[in-house]
Amino acid sequence: MLVVGSLTLWRNDRIASEATAATDDAQDLIRKSVQWQGMTQTAVARSMASAISSDPAVGELFKANIANDAPEVAKLREQIAAQAQRPEDQAKLKEIVGLGQALLAASKKAREAGAAGDWSATSRIVQNEYAPAVKLYLDAIGQFVAMQEARAATAREAAAAARASLRWQAAIGALVIAAVGLFTAWLLIRAIVQPMAQAVRVAEAVAGGDLRSDIQPDSRDETGQLLGALQRMNQSLTGIVGQVRLSSDSIATGTGEIATGNADLSQRTEQQAANLEQTAASMEQLTATVKQNAETARTATQLAQTASTVAAEGGQAVQEVVAVMRQIDESSRRITDIIGTIDGIAFQTNILALNAAVEAARAGEQGRGFAVVASEVRALAQRSAAAAKEIKGLIGDSGARVEAGSRLAGSAGETMGQIVEQVKRVSDLIAEISAASAEQSQGIDQIGDAIAQLDQVTQQNAALVEESAAAAESLKQQATQLHQAVAVFRL
């Protein structure tokens, strides 16, 4: 609105200044034109008087006056010509210049006739030529002045019309500014007052415990940010109150359960005290039984030690048998290897006999005796191989039996070892049982002491149960008060 008002005032000032300047220019031009017209009329009158006067002194006087005023008249004419730039003004000035030249020619002619002393010719020239030229010249100047006055009147009318238009424009501008101001005020009321009123309503609702307000900020300005903050505050309070309400309900439920549990605990404490008395009586019986078990365990330990010694001796004998069987098995393996060597020798001898027979056959009669020897050697090698094979079979059978015996002896040795181990474990277990029985006897004594302490602790627990019941009741009352305080809020 300030910008619109400033622009309107500036435009009004500009139009008024232009109208004033135009009026001032027109008035100045009129003033100069009227002055020019008056001085021209004076100069013409002096020139006419100088032309028709028979007294030379008068003529010279008027000529001097005309000569004195001529520069000022010329200066006014130049100023008017420079200021009047409109085409019609320039045309009228051009016409005036032409009429002025005709006037000067008539004036010169009249002065020449007067100088010659021909006054009748002078009078005739003045009346017939000079006077009409003066009239035309002065009429033209009068028309120029009338044109300037008419233009000045038009400028004044235009200025008046401009001022009237400016008044209307100012009135319309004022109405527009007022309308814009009212619209702006309405927008401000809508953008500020209404959101602030909504914020006040929300705050009053929250103060009254109503958290069900639906806040929907519809802008991002300061009021929108305020409503957004109230929305977040309302949501946060809703969550907090809901959590507090749930917590108060949970606390109330928990305190009720604690009170019930304390009552049950009190009953169980009394039952526990009675059970402790029964436990003490049972512990006395258990002490006697444990002592008897300890004596029996000592006797069993002695018997187990004797059995362990016998089993260890049997295991040692079995280990010796196993060692002998292993030696026999090792010897059988060595014999088998030797027989393998003999079998290889017989095989090679047989090959050599075959080669010898082939060579004897090639020798013919000379090698017949050598062939017989080779045949016998071959037969001997075959019998040696057969005997070695039979021995190998017998040794293999014996080795298998020795191996089976070794396995049986080893198994027996392992069994005896396991027996010895089991007997040792039994002996250890019996020793552990004996030690455990002694420890149990000590433990039972400690249990008796612990039962006495437990009885004391049970009595202390009974006192604590009463205190806990009182605290639970107080907590239940506080939870009820908290629930009542939170119940004011409506979610």
Protein backbone atom coordinates (compact mmCIF):
# COMPACT_ATOMS: atom_id res chain seq x y z
CA MET A 1 0.00 0.00 0.00
CA LEU A 2 2.87 2.38 0.74
CA VAL A 3 4.31 1.67 -2.70
CA VAL A 4 0.97 2.26 -4.44
CA GLY A 5 0.42 5.50 -2.49
CA SER A 6 3.95 6.68 -3.23
CA LEU A 7 3.57 5.94 -6.95
CA THR A 8 0.21 7.77 -7.04
CA LEU A 9 1.63 10.85 -5.32
CA TRP A 10 4.68 10.83 -7.60
CA ARG A 11 2.50 10.58 -10.71
CA ASN A 12 0.20 13.36 -9.46
CA ASP A 13 3.18 15.61 -8.73
CA ARG A 14 4.63 14.86 -12.14
CA ILE A 15 1.39 15.64 -13.96
CA ALA A 16 0.89 18.81 -11.91
CA SER A 17 4.49 19.87 -12.57
CA GLU A 18 4.09 19.25 -16.30
CA ALA A 19 0.82 21.21 -16.38
CA THR A 20 2.36 24.07 -14.37
CA ALA A 21 5.44 24.12 -16.59
CA ALA A 22 3.29 24.20 -19.73
CA THR A 23 1.19 27.04 -18.30
CA ASP A 24 4.28 28.97 -17.22
CA ASP A 25 5.88 28.56 -20.66
CA ALA A 26 2.70 29.74 -22.35
CA GLN A 27 2.41 32.77 -20.03
CA ASP A 28 6.06 33.69 -20.57
CA LEU A 29 5.64 33.45 -24.33
CA ILE A 30 2.48 35.59 -24.12
CA ARG A 31 4.29 38.19 -22.00
CA LYS A 32 7.15 38.41 -24.49
CA SER A 33 4.73 38.50 -27.44
CA VAL A 34 2.69 41.31 -25.88
CA GLN A 35 5.88 43.23 -25.09
CA TRP A 36 7.06 42.68 -28.64
CA GLN A 37 3.67 43.85 -29.94
CA GLY A 38 3.75 47.02 -27.78
CA MET A 39 7.32 47.93 -28.71
CA THR A 40 6.53 47.28 -32.36
CA GLN A 41 3.49 49.55 -32.20
CA THR A 42 5.61 52.27 -30.56
CA ALA A 43 8.34 51.91 -33.17
CA VAL A 44 5.77 52.04 -35.99
CA ALA A 45 4.14 55.14 -34.51
CA ARG A 46 7.53 56.84 -34.19
CA SER A 47 8.47 55.85 -37.70
CA MET A 48 5.16 57.18 -39.06
CA ALA A 49 5.57 60.45 -37.10
CA SER A 50 9.12 60.82 -38.36
CA ALA A 51 7.95 60.24 -41.93
CA ILE A 52 5.10 62.77 -41.91
CA SER A 53 6.82 65.45 -39.74
CA SER A 54 8.18 68.46 -41.59
CA ASP A 55 10.45 69.34 -38.72
CA PRO A 56 13.82 67.67 -39.16
CA ALA A 57 14.52 67.80 -35.44
CA VAL A 58 11.42 65.75 -34.69
CA GLY A 59 12.36 63.21 -37.33
CA GLU A 60 15.84 62.85 -35.95
CA LEU A 61 14.47 62.40 -32.43
CA PHE A 62 12.12 59.58 -33.46
CA LYS A 63 14.89 57.97 -35.48
CA ALA A 64 17.13 58.00 -32.41
CA ASN A 65 14.38 56.43 -30.27
CA ILE A 66 13.72 53.78 -32.90
CA ALA A 67 17.45 53.02 -33.11
CA ASN A 68 17.66 52.68 -29.31
CA ASP A 69 14.68 50.26 -29.12
CA ALA A 70 15.68 48.22 -32.18
CA PRO A 71 18.17 45.89 -30.37
CA GLU A 72 15.68 45.06 -27.62
CA VAL A 73 12.94 44.41 -30.19
CA ALA A 74 15.29 42.17 -32.16
CA LYS A 75 16.27 40.31 -28.96
CA LEU A 76 12.60 39.74 -28.04
CA ARG A 77 11.88 38.50 -31.55
CA GLU A 78 14.81 36.03 -31.34
CA GLN A 79 13.69 34.78 -27.91
CA ILE A 80 10.14 34.33 -29.18
CA ALA A 81 11.40 32.49 -32.27
CA ALA A 82 13.55 30.19 -30.09
CA GLN A 83 10.73 29.51 -27.61
CA ALA A 84 7.88 29.07 -30.12
CA GLN A 85 8.86 25.74 -31.75
CA ARG A 86 5.45 24.60 -32.91
CA PRO A 87 5.01 24.50 -36.72
CA GLU A 88 2.07 26.92 -36.70
CA ASP A 89 4.06 29.38 -34.55
CA GLN A 90 7.07 29.15 -36.87
CA ALA A 91 4.81 29.71 -39.91
CA LYS A 92 3.20 32.79 -38.30
CA LEU A 93 6.64 34.19 -37.36
CA LYS A 94 7.82 33.65 -40.93
CA GLU A 95 4.74 35.54 -42.14
CA ILE A 96 5.48 38.38 -39.67
CA VAL A 97 9.07 38.60 -40.94
CA GLY A 98 7.80 38.95 -44.52
CA LEU A 99 5.30 41.65 -43.51
CA GLY A 100 8.07 43.42 -41.56
CA GLN A 101 10.22 43.54 -44.68
CA ALA A 102 7.31 45.05 -46.66
CA LEU A 103 6.78 47.55 -43.83
CA LEU A 104 10.46 48.54 -43.90
CA ALA A 105 10.32 49.00 -47.67
CA ALA A 106 7.26 51.30 -47.39
CA SER A 107 8.87 53.20 -44.49
CA LYS A 108 12.08 53.70 -46.50
CA LYS A 109 10.09 54.96 -49.46
CA ALA A 110 8.16 57.44 -47.31
CA ARG A 111 11.37 58.74 -45.67
CA GLU A 112 13.01 59.20 -49.05
CA ALA A 113 10.00 61.24 -50.30
CA GLY A 114 10.06 63.33 -47.10
CA ALA A 115 13.80 63.91 -47.46
CA ALA A 116 13.16 65.16 -51.00
CA GLY A 117 10.59 67.66 -49.64
CA ASP A 118 7.73 66.08 -51.52
CA TRP A 119 5.26 66.03 -48.68
CA SER A 120 2.30 65.22 -50.85
CA ALA A 121 4.06 62.07 -52.09
CA THR A 122 5.07 61.29 -48.56
CA SER A 123 1.48 61.62 -47.35
CA ARG A 124 0.24 59.50 -50.23
CA ILE A 125 2.85 56.76 -49.56
CA VAL A 126 2.04 56.78 -45.85
CA GLN A 127 -1.69 56.44 -46.48
CA ASN A 128 -1.59 54.02 -49.39
CA GLU A 129 1.44 51.83 -48.63
CA TYR A 130 2.91 52.39 -45.21
CA ALA A 131 -0.34 52.46 -43.17
CA PRO A 132 -1.72 49.23 -44.76
CA ALA A 133 1.68 47.54 -44.22
CA VAL A 134 1.65 48.67 -40.58
CA LYS A 135 -1.86 47.32 -40.14
CA LEU A 136 -0.97 43.95 -41.65
CA TYR A 137 2.21 43.76 -39.61
CA LEU A 138 0.51 44.64 -36.33
CA ASP A 139 -2.46 42.37 -37.12
CA ALA A 140 -0.08 39.48 -37.72
CA ILE A 141 1.64 40.14 -34.39
CA GLY A 142 -1.81 40.41 -32.75
CA GLN A 143 -2.76 37.06 -34.30
CA PHE A 144 0.44 35.53 -32.94
CA VAL A 145 -0.39 36.91 -29.48
CA ALA A 146 -3.96 35.58 -29.81
CA MET A 147 -2.59 32.15 -30.76
CA GLN A 148 -0.40 32.13 -27.64
CA GLU A 149 -3.30 33.28 -25.43
CA ALA A 150 -5.53 30.57 -26.90
CA ARG A 151 -2.81 27.97 -26.31
CA ALA A 152 -2.35 29.26 -22.75
CA ALA A 153 -6.10 28.97 -22.18
CA THR A 154 -5.98 25.42 -23.56
CA ALA A 155 -3.05 24.64 -21.25
CA ARG A 156 -4.96 26.04 -18.27
CA GLU A 157 -8.00 23.96 -19.18
CA ALA A 158 -5.79 20.87 -19.60
CA ALA A 159 -4.16 21.57 -16.24
CA ALA A 160 -7.58 21.96 -14.63
CA ALA A 161 -8.74 18.73 -16.27
CA ALA A 162 -5.53 17.02 -15.15
CA ARG A 163 -6.08 18.25 -11.60
CA ALA A 164 -9.66 17.01 -11.69
CA SER A 165 -8.48 13.68 -13.07
CA LEU A 166 -5.83 13.53 -10.38
CA ARG A 167 -8.47 14.18 -7.73
CA TRP A 168 -10.55 11.30 -9.11
CA GLN A 169 -7.48 9.09 -9.34
CA ALA A 170 -6.51 10.01 -5.79
CA ALA A 171 -10.02 9.17 -4.60
CA ILE A 172 -10.01 5.85 -6.47
CA GLY A 173 -6.48 5.14 -5.17
CA ALA A 174 -7.65 5.88 -1.63
CA LEU A 175 -10.57 3.49 -2.11
CA VAL A 176 -8.24 0.82 -3.53
CA ILE A 177 -5.78 1.32 -0.67
CA ALA A 178 -8.63 1.12 1.84
CA ALA A 179 -9.91 -2.07 0.19
CA VAL A 180 -6.42 -3.56 0.16
CA GLY A 181 -5.98 -2.54 3.80
CA LEU A 182 -9.27 -4.19 4.76
CA PHE A 183 -8.35 -7.34 2.82
CA THR A 184 -4.89 -7.37 4.43
CA ALA A 185 -6.45 -6.91 7.86
CA TRP A 186 -8.82 -9.81 7.12
CA LEU A 187 -5.87 -11.96 6.05
CA LEU A 188 -3.96 -11.00 9.19
CA ILE A 189 -6.97 -11.84 11.33
CA ARG A 190 -7.30 -15.15 9.57
CA ALA A 191 -3.56 -15.90 9.69
CA ILE A 192 -2.87 -14.70 13.25
CA VAL A 193 -6.00 -14.15 15.33
CA GLN A 194 -7.77 -17.38 14.40
CA PRO A 195 -4.71 -19.64 14.97
CA MET A 196 -4.00 -17.80 18.22
CA ALA A 197 -7.62 -18.34 19.29
CA GLN A 198 -7.27 -22.02 18.40
CA ALA A 199 -4.02 -22.18 20.39
CA VAL A 200 -5.79 -20.57 23.40
CA ARG A 201 -8.65 -23.10 23.12
CA VAL A 202 -6.17 -25.98 22.99
CA ALA A 203 -4.26 -24.62 26.01
CA GLU A 204 -7.52 -24.18 27.97
CA ALA A 205 -8.58 -27.72 27.01
CA VAL A 206 -5.21 -29.11 28.17
CA ALA A 207 -5.52 -27.10 31.41
CA GLY A 208 -8.97 -28.66 31.88
CA GLY A 209 -7.55 -32.15 31.36
CA ASP A 210 -8.94 -32.66 27.84
CA LEU A 211 -6.23 -34.08 25.56
CA ARG A 212 -8.61 -34.96 22.71
CA SER A 213 -8.09 -31.72 20.73
CA ASP A 214 -7.51 -32.25 17.00
CA ILE A 215 -4.80 -29.75 16.00
CA GLN A 216 -4.09 -29.42 12.27
CA PRO A 217 -1.64 -26.57 11.50
CA ASP A 218 -2.25 -25.30 7.94
CA SER A 219 0.70 -22.91 7.57
CA ARG A 220 4.43 -22.70 8.19
CA ASP A 221 4.57 -19.22 9.73
CA GLU A 222 4.98 -18.43 13.43
CA THR A 223 1.35 -19.29 14.26
CA GLY A 224 1.63 -22.54 12.31
CA GLN A 225 4.80 -23.39 14.22
CA LEU A 226 2.98 -22.56 17.49
CA LEU A 227 0.09 -24.88 16.57
CA GLY A 228 2.60 -27.56 15.53
CA ALA A 229 4.34 -27.24 18.91
CA LEU A 230 0.95 -27.48 20.69
CA GLN A 231 0.13 -30.56 18.57
CA ARG A 232 3.41 -32.22 19.56
CA MET A 233 2.87 -31.19 23.21
CA ASN A 234 -0.67 -32.61 23.17
CA GLN A 235 0.53 -35.86 21.63
CA SER A 236 3.40 -36.09 24.13
CA LEU A 237 1.06 -35.41 27.07
CA THR A 238 -1.36 -38.02 25.72
CA GLY A 239 1.43 -40.60 25.59
CA ILE A 240 2.75 -39.64 29.04
CA VAL A 241 -0.69 -39.67 30.69
CA GLY A 242 -1.50 -42.98 29.01
CA GLN A 243 1.75 -44.49 30.25
CA VAL A 244 1.20 -43.07 33.75
CA ARG A 245 -2.34 -44.46 33.78
CA LEU A 246 -1.13 -47.88 32.69
CA SER A 247 1.71 -47.70 35.22
CA SER A 248 -0.68 -46.71 38.03
CA ASP A 249 -2.98 -49.60 37.12
CA SER A 250 0.01 -51.94 37.03
CA ILE A 251 1.23 -50.61 40.39
CA ALA A 252 -2.22 -51.07 41.93
CA THR A 253 -2.39 -54.61 40.59
CA GLY A 254 1.17 -55.31 41.72
CA THR A 255 0.57 -53.99 45.25
CA GLY A 256 -2.53 -56.17 45.54
CA GLU A 257 -0.54 -59.17 44.43
CA ILE A 258 2.25 -58.26 46.87
CA ALA A 259 -0.24 -58.07 49.75
CA THR A 260 -1.67 -61.45 48.80
CA GLY A 261 1.83 -62.86 48.42
CA ASN A 262 2.81 -61.54 51.85
CA ALA A 263 -0.16 -63.32 53.42
CA ASP A 264 0.82 -66.54 51.66
CA LEU A 265 4.44 -66.02 52.68
CA SER A 266 3.41 -65.60 56.32
CA GLN A 267 1.53 -68.92 56.20
CA ARG A 268 4.45 -70.62 54.48
CA THR A 269 6.84 -69.22 57.08
CA GLU A 270 4.79 -70.76 59.88
CA GLN A 271 4.66 -74.05 57.99
CA GLN A 272 8.40 -73.84 57.43
CA ALA A 273 9.03 -73.46 61.18
CA ALA A 274 7.03 -76.65 61.83
CA ASN A 275 8.92 -78.45 59.08
CA LEU A 276 12.21 -77.38 60.63
CA GLU A 277 11.27 -79.15 63.89
CA GLN A 278 10.48 -82.34 61.99
CA THR A 279 13.73 -81.98 60.05
CA ALA A 280 15.73 -81.74 63.29
CA ALA A 281 14.23 -85.04 64.53
CA SER A 282 14.94 -86.73 61.20
CA MET A 283 18.52 -85.48 61.27
CA GLU A 284 19.13 -87.28 64.59
CA GLN A 285 18.00 -90.57 63.04
CA LEU A 286 20.09 -89.87 59.96
CA THR A 287 23.16 -89.29 62.12
CA ALA A 288 22.88 -92.79 63.65
CA THR A 289 22.36 -94.37 60.22
CA VAL A 290 25.36 -92.54 58.73
CA LYS A 291 27.62 -93.71 61.53
CA GLN A 292 26.54 -97.34 60.95
CA ASN A 293 27.18 -96.91 57.19
CA ALA A 294 30.66 -95.58 57.93
CA GLU A 295 31.52 -98.71 59.96
CA THR A 296 30.19 -101.00 57.22
CA ALA A 297 32.18 -99.06 54.61
CA ARG A 298 35.41 -99.57 56.54
CA THR A 299 34.83 -103.37 56.63
CA ALA A 300 34.04 -103.44 52.89
CA THR A 301 37.20 -101.45 52.20
CA GLN A 302 39.35 -104.11 53.84
CA LEU A 303 37.67 -106.93 51.84
CA ALA A 304 38.03 -104.97 48.61
CA GLN A 305 41.72 -104.43 49.23
CA THR A 306 42.23 -108.23 49.69
CA ALA A 307 40.32 -109.01 46.46
CA SER A 308 42.32 -106.39 44.63
CA THR A 309 45.59 -108.04 45.70
CA VAL A 310 44.46 -111.50 44.48
CA ALA A 311 43.21 -110.10 41.19
CA ALA A 312 46.49 -108.31 40.66
CA GLU A 313 48.46 -111.56 41.14
CA GLY A 314 46.20 -113.40 38.63
CA GLY A 315 46.63 -110.58 36.17
CA GLN A 316 50.42 -110.81 36.50
CA ALA A 317 50.35 -114.58 35.69
CA VAL A 318 48.18 -114.04 32.66
CA GLN A 319 50.54 -111.32 31.44
CA GLU A 320 53.46 -113.79 31.68
CA VAL A 321 51.52 -116.39 29.61
CA VAL A 322 50.73 -113.74 27.05
CA ALA A 323 54.42 -112.84 26.83
CA VAL A 324 55.41 -116.52 26.21
CA MET A 325 52.74 -116.92 23.52
CA ARG A 326 54.02 -113.80 21.82
CA GLN A 327 57.56 -115.23 21.80
CA ILE A 328 56.27 -118.51 20.23
CA ASP A 329 54.38 -116.52 17.62
CA GLU A 330 57.51 -114.52 16.83
CA SER A 331 59.57 -117.79 16.40
CA SER A 332 56.89 -119.22 14.07
CA ARG A 333 57.08 -116.09 11.96
CA ARG A 334 60.87 -116.42 11.72
CA ILE A 335 60.58 -120.13 10.64
CA THR A 336 58.04 -119.11 8.03
CA ASP A 337 60.49 -116.58 6.67
CA ILE A 338 63.26 -119.21 6.52
CA ILE A 339 60.99 -121.65 4.66
CA GLY A 340 60.17 -118.88 2.24
CA THR A 341 63.89 -118.49 1.60
CA ILE A 342 64.25 -122.28 1.01
CA ASP A 343 61.31 -122.23 -1.37
CA GLY A 344 62.98 -119.42 -3.31
CA ILE A 345 66.23 -121.36 -3.51
CA ALA A 346 64.39 -124.48 -4.81
CA PHE A 347 62.62 -122.35 -7.43
CA GLN A 348 65.91 -120.89 -8.62
CA THR A 349 67.54 -124.38 -8.61
CA ASN A 350 64.71 -125.72 -10.76
CA ILE A 351 65.28 -122.88 -13.24
CA LEU A 352 69.01 -123.61 -13.29
CA ALA A 353 68.29 -127.36 -13.91
CA LEU A 354 66.04 -126.44 -16.82
CA ASN A 355 68.76 -124.25 -18.29
CA ALA A 356 71.31 -127.06 -17.80
CA ALA A 357 69.02 -129.58 -19.55
CA VAL A 358 68.64 -127.20 -22.48
CA GLU A 359 72.39 -126.76 -22.74
CA ALA A 360 72.93 -130.59 -22.45
CA ALA A 361 70.47 -131.12 -25.29
CA ARG A 362 72.43 -128.71 -27.41
CA ALA A 363 75.72 -130.57 -26.54
CA GLY A 364 74.31 -133.87 -27.86
CA GLU A 365 76.12 -137.06 -26.78
CA GLN A 366 78.67 -135.12 -24.80
CA GLY A 367 76.11 -133.54 -22.63
CA ARG A 368 73.99 -136.61 -21.95
CA GLY A 369 75.62 -137.25 -18.55
CA PHE A 370 75.19 -133.61 -17.63
CA ALA A 371 71.52 -133.86 -18.63
CA VAL A 372 71.03 -136.80 -16.22
CA VAL A 373 72.60 -134.79 -13.41
CA ALA A 374 70.43 -131.79 -14.28
CA SER A 375 67.34 -133.98 -14.23
CA GLU A 376 68.21 -135.31 -10.79
CA VAL A 377 68.93 -131.80 -9.54
CA ARG A 378 65.57 -130.68 -10.86
CA ALA A 379 63.79 -133.56 -9.19
CA LEU A 380 65.61 -132.76 -5.94
CA ALA A 381 64.61 -129.11 -6.22
CA GLN A 382 60.98 -130.06 -6.78
CA ARG A 383 60.97 -132.38 -3.77
CA SER A 384 62.64 -129.62 -1.69
CA ALA A 385 59.96 -127.14 -2.79
CA ALA A 386 57.18 -129.63 -1.97
CA ALA A 387 58.70 -130.34 1.47
CA ALA A 388 59.13 -126.63 2.13
CA LYS A 389 55.52 -126.07 1.13
CA GLU A 390 54.30 -128.77 3.53
CA ILE A 391 56.47 -127.35 6.32
CA LYS A 392 55.16 -123.88 5.56
CA GLY A 393 51.59 -125.18 5.79
CA LEU A 394 52.30 -126.86 9.14
CA ILE A 395 54.07 -123.78 10.46
CA GLY A 396 51.20 -121.57 9.21
CA ASP A 397 48.66 -123.80 10.98
CA SER A 398 50.79 -123.75 14.12
CA GLY A 399 51.19 -119.97 13.83
CA ALA A 400 47.44 -119.51 13.47
CA ARG A 401 46.85 -121.61 16.57
CA VAL A 402 49.60 -119.74 18.42
CA GLU A 403 48.01 -116.45 17.31
CA ALA A 404 44.60 -117.65 18.48
CA GLY A 405 46.15 -118.68 21.78
CA SER A 406 47.86 -115.30 22.00
CA ARG A 407 44.57 -113.54 21.39
CA LEU A 408 42.87 -115.68 24.02
CA ALA A 409 45.72 -115.07 26.43
CA GLY A 410 45.63 -111.34 25.62
CA SER A 411 41.88 -111.30 26.09
CA ALA A 412 42.29 -113.14 29.37
CA GLY A 413 44.98 -110.65 30.35
CA GLU A 414 42.72 -107.73 29.45
CA THR A 415 39.87 -109.35 31.36
CA MET A 416 42.09 -109.82 34.39
CA GLY A 417 43.24 -106.23 34.00
CA GLN A 418 39.62 -105.09 33.87
CA ILE A 419 38.86 -107.23 36.89
CA VAL A 420 41.79 -105.70 38.71
CA GLU A 421 40.65 -102.23 37.59
CA GLN A 422 37.06 -102.88 38.65
CA VAL A 423 38.20 -104.30 41.98
CA LYS A 424 40.37 -101.20 42.39
CA ARG A 425 37.46 -98.96 41.51
CA VAL A 426 35.25 -100.85 43.96
CA SER A 427 37.93 -100.41 46.57
CA ASP A 428 38.18 -96.71 45.74
CA LEU A 429 34.39 -96.33 45.80
CA ILE A 430 34.20 -98.04 49.15
CA ALA A 431 36.97 -95.75 50.40
CA GLU A 432 35.07 -92.78 49.01
CA ILE A 433 31.91 -94.05 50.64
CA SER A 434 33.77 -94.33 53.91
CA ALA A 435 35.15 -90.82 53.53
CA ALA A 436 31.73 -89.57 52.43
CA SER A 437 30.17 -91.19 55.46
CA ALA A 438 32.64 -89.34 57.66
CA GLU A 439 31.95 -86.12 55.80
CA GLN A 440 28.22 -86.79 56.05
CA SER A 441 28.59 -87.14 59.78
CA GLN A 442 30.32 -83.79 59.90
CA GLY A 443 27.80 -82.36 57.43
CA ILE A 444 24.92 -83.54 59.55
CA ASP A 445 26.38 -81.70 62.50
CA GLN A 446 26.69 -78.61 60.30
CA ILE A 447 23.13 -79.13 59.08
CA GLY A 448 21.99 -79.11 62.68
CA ASP A 449 23.69 -75.79 63.18
CA ALA A 450 22.23 -74.55 59.88
CA ILE A 451 18.75 -75.63 60.95
CA ALA A 452 19.14 -73.62 64.13
CA GLN A 453 20.23 -70.61 62.08
CA LEU A 454 17.39 -71.26 59.64
CA ASP A 455 14.95 -71.19 62.52
CA GLN A 456 16.31 -67.81 63.54
CA VAL A 457 16.16 -66.55 59.94
CA THR A 458 12.58 -67.81 59.67
CA GLN A 459 11.59 -65.73 62.65
CA GLN A 460 13.31 -62.69 61.10
CA ASN A 461 11.49 -63.38 57.81
CA ALA A 462 8.19 -63.37 59.67
CA ALA A 463 8.99 -59.88 60.97
CA LEU A 464 10.03 -58.73 57.46
CA VAL A 465 6.80 -60.16 56.04
CA GLU A 466 4.79 -57.99 58.41
CA GLU A 467 6.82 -54.90 57.42
CA SER A 468 6.46 -55.76 53.71
CA ALA A 469 2.69 -56.10 54.14
CA ALA A 470 2.53 -52.62 55.69
CA ALA A 471 4.69 -51.15 52.87
CA ALA A 472 2.54 -52.88 50.22
CA GLU A 473 -0.61 -51.39 51.74
CA SER A 474 0.95 -47.89 51.72
CA LEU A 475 2.08 -48.35 48.11
CA LYS A 476 -1.43 -49.49 47.17
CA GLN A 477 -2.92 -46.30 48.66
CA GLN A 478 -0.39 -44.12 46.75
CA ALA A 479 -1.18 -45.98 43.51
CA THR A 480 -4.88 -45.29 44.09
CA GLN A 481 -4.17 -41.58 44.60
CA LEU A 482 -2.02 -41.48 41.43
CA HIS A 483 -4.77 -43.19 39.44
CA GLN A 484 -7.32 -40.65 40.69
CA ALA A 485 -4.99 -37.77 39.73
CA VAL A 486 -4.43 -39.15 36.22
CA ALA A 487 -8.15 -39.88 35.77
CA VAL A 488 -8.71 -36.10 35.39
CA PHE A 489 -7.23 -36.24 31.85
CA ARG A 490 -9.50 -37.37 29.01
CA LEU A 491 -7.69 -39.13 26.16
